[in-house]
Amino acid sequence: MKAGVLQVVPERDPRILFDKVVSYYFRNGFPIPISAKEFQEGLLTRFTEDDGMFFLPE
């Protein structure tokens, strides 16, 4: 929140989060263990979603 308005944080976007996961696995020579759809479904079950961004419970 900034001045009472929710600010969009691109790093919390599910597509950006998945890109970071893929780049980590790719840089380290590991196979990508999950599809983008599976990753985004997992975000919905594990984290709090607000305005398209994902947050830890606290």
C-alpha atoms as a PDB file:
ATOM      1  CA  MET A   1       0.000   0.000   0.000  1.00  0.00           C
ATOM      2  CA  LYS A   2       1.179   3.475  -0.829  1.00  0.00           C
ATOM      3  CA  ALA A   3      -1.029   6.442   0.013  1.00  0.00           C
ATOM      4  CA  GLY A   4      -3.932   4.031   0.512  1.00  0.00           C
ATOM      5  CA  VAL A   5      -3.544   2.494  -2.958  1.00  0.00           C
ATOM      6  CA  LEU A   6      -2.321  -1.048  -3.598  1.00  0.00           C
ATOM      7  CA  GLN A   7       0.880  -0.891  -5.634  1.00  0.00           C
ATOM      8  CA  VAL A   8       1.520  -3.675  -8.166  1.00  0.00           C
ATOM      9  CA  VAL A   9       4.837  -5.430  -7.561  1.00  0.00           C
ATOM     10  CA  PRO A  10       5.884  -7.215 -10.783  1.00  0.00           C
ATOM     11  CA  GLU A  11       8.061  -9.681  -8.861  1.00  0.00           C
ATOM     12  CA  ARG A  12       4.899 -11.117  -7.284  1.00  0.00           C
ATOM     13  CA  ASP A  13       3.253 -11.871 -10.643  1.00  0.00           C
ATOM     14  CA  PRO A  14       2.884 -15.643 -11.199  1.00  0.00           C
ATOM     15  CA  ARG A  15       4.481 -15.478 -14.659  1.00  0.00           C
ATOM     16  CA  ILE A  16       7.546 -13.675 -13.323  1.00  0.00           C
ATOM     17  CA  LEU A  17       7.808 -16.109 -10.418  1.00  0.00           C
ATOM     18  CA  PHE A  18       7.691 -19.059 -12.823  1.00  0.00           C
ATOM     19  CA  ASP A  19      10.338 -17.455 -15.051  1.00  0.00           C
ATOM     20  CA  LYS A  20      12.625 -17.157 -12.025  1.00  0.00           C
ATOM     21  CA  VAL A  21      12.094 -20.829 -11.154  1.00  0.00           C
ATOM     22  CA  VAL A  22      12.826 -21.906 -14.737  1.00  0.00           C
ATOM     23  CA  SER A  23      15.965 -19.764 -14.909  1.00  0.00           C
ATOM     24  CA  TYR A  24      17.237 -21.233 -11.612  1.00  0.00           C
ATOM     25  CA  TYR A  25      16.786 -24.812 -12.846  1.00  0.00           C
ATOM     26  CA  PHE A  26      18.226 -24.000 -16.277  1.00  0.00           C
ATOM     27  CA  ARG A  27      21.342 -22.264 -14.869  1.00  0.00           C
ATOM     28  CA  ASN A  28      22.012 -25.213 -12.606  1.00  0.00           C
ATOM     29  CA  GLY A  29      21.515 -27.827 -15.327  1.00  0.00           C
ATOM     30  CA  PHE A  30      18.402 -29.396 -13.801  1.00  0.00           C
ATOM     31  CA  PRO A  31      15.325 -30.453 -15.784  1.00  0.00           C
ATOM     32  CA  ILE A  32      12.305 -28.189 -15.301  1.00  0.00           C
ATOM     33  CA  PRO A  33      10.131 -30.229 -12.899  1.00  0.00           C
ATOM     34  CA  ILE A  34       6.786 -28.493 -13.422  1.00  0.00           C
ATOM     35  CA  SER A  35       4.708 -26.783 -16.105  1.00  0.00           C
ATOM     36  CA  ALA A  36       3.588 -23.157 -15.849  1.00  0.00           C
ATOM     37  CA  LYS A  37      -0.005 -24.277 -15.281  1.00  0.00           C
ATOM     38  CA  GLU A  38       0.980 -26.637 -12.455  1.00  0.00           C
ATOM     39  CA  PHE A  39       3.153 -23.933 -10.903  1.00  0.00           C
ATOM     40  CA  GLN A  40       0.350 -21.370 -10.934  1.00  0.00           C
ATOM     41  CA  GLU A  41      -2.111 -23.893  -9.473  1.00  0.00           C
ATOM     42  CA  GLY A  42       0.414 -24.583  -6.711  1.00  0.00           C
ATOM     43  CA  LEU A  43       0.707 -20.875  -5.959  1.00  0.00           C
ATOM     44  CA  LEU A  44      -3.054 -20.683  -5.451  1.00  0.00           C
ATOM     45  CA  THR A  45      -3.026 -23.549  -2.944  1.00  0.00           C
ATOM     46  CA  ARG A  46       0.080 -22.448  -0.990  1.00  0.00           C
ATOM     47  CA  PHE A  47       0.028 -18.645  -0.906  1.00  0.00           C
ATOM     48  CA  THR A  48      -2.368 -15.759  -0.467  1.00  0.00           C
ATOM     49  CA  GLU A  49      -3.400 -14.082  -3.733  1.00  0.00           C
ATOM     50  CA  ASP A  50      -4.421 -10.417  -3.883  1.00  0.00           C
ATOM     51  CA  ASP A  51      -4.941  -8.485  -7.132  1.00  0.00           C
ATOM     52  CA  GLY A  52      -2.936 -11.016  -9.137  1.00  0.00           C
ATOM     53  CA  MET A  53       0.042 -10.946  -6.762  1.00  0.00           C
ATOM     54  CA  PHE A  54       1.079 -13.692  -4.332  1.00  0.00           C
ATOM     55  CA  PHE A  55       2.112 -13.231  -0.710  1.00  0.00           C
ATOM     56  CA  LEU A  56       3.257 -15.282   2.246  1.00  0.00           C
ATOM     57  CA  PRO A  57       0.522 -15.796   4.882  1.00  0.00           C
ATOM     58  CA  GLU A  58       1.981 -13.206   7.238  1.00  0.00           C
END
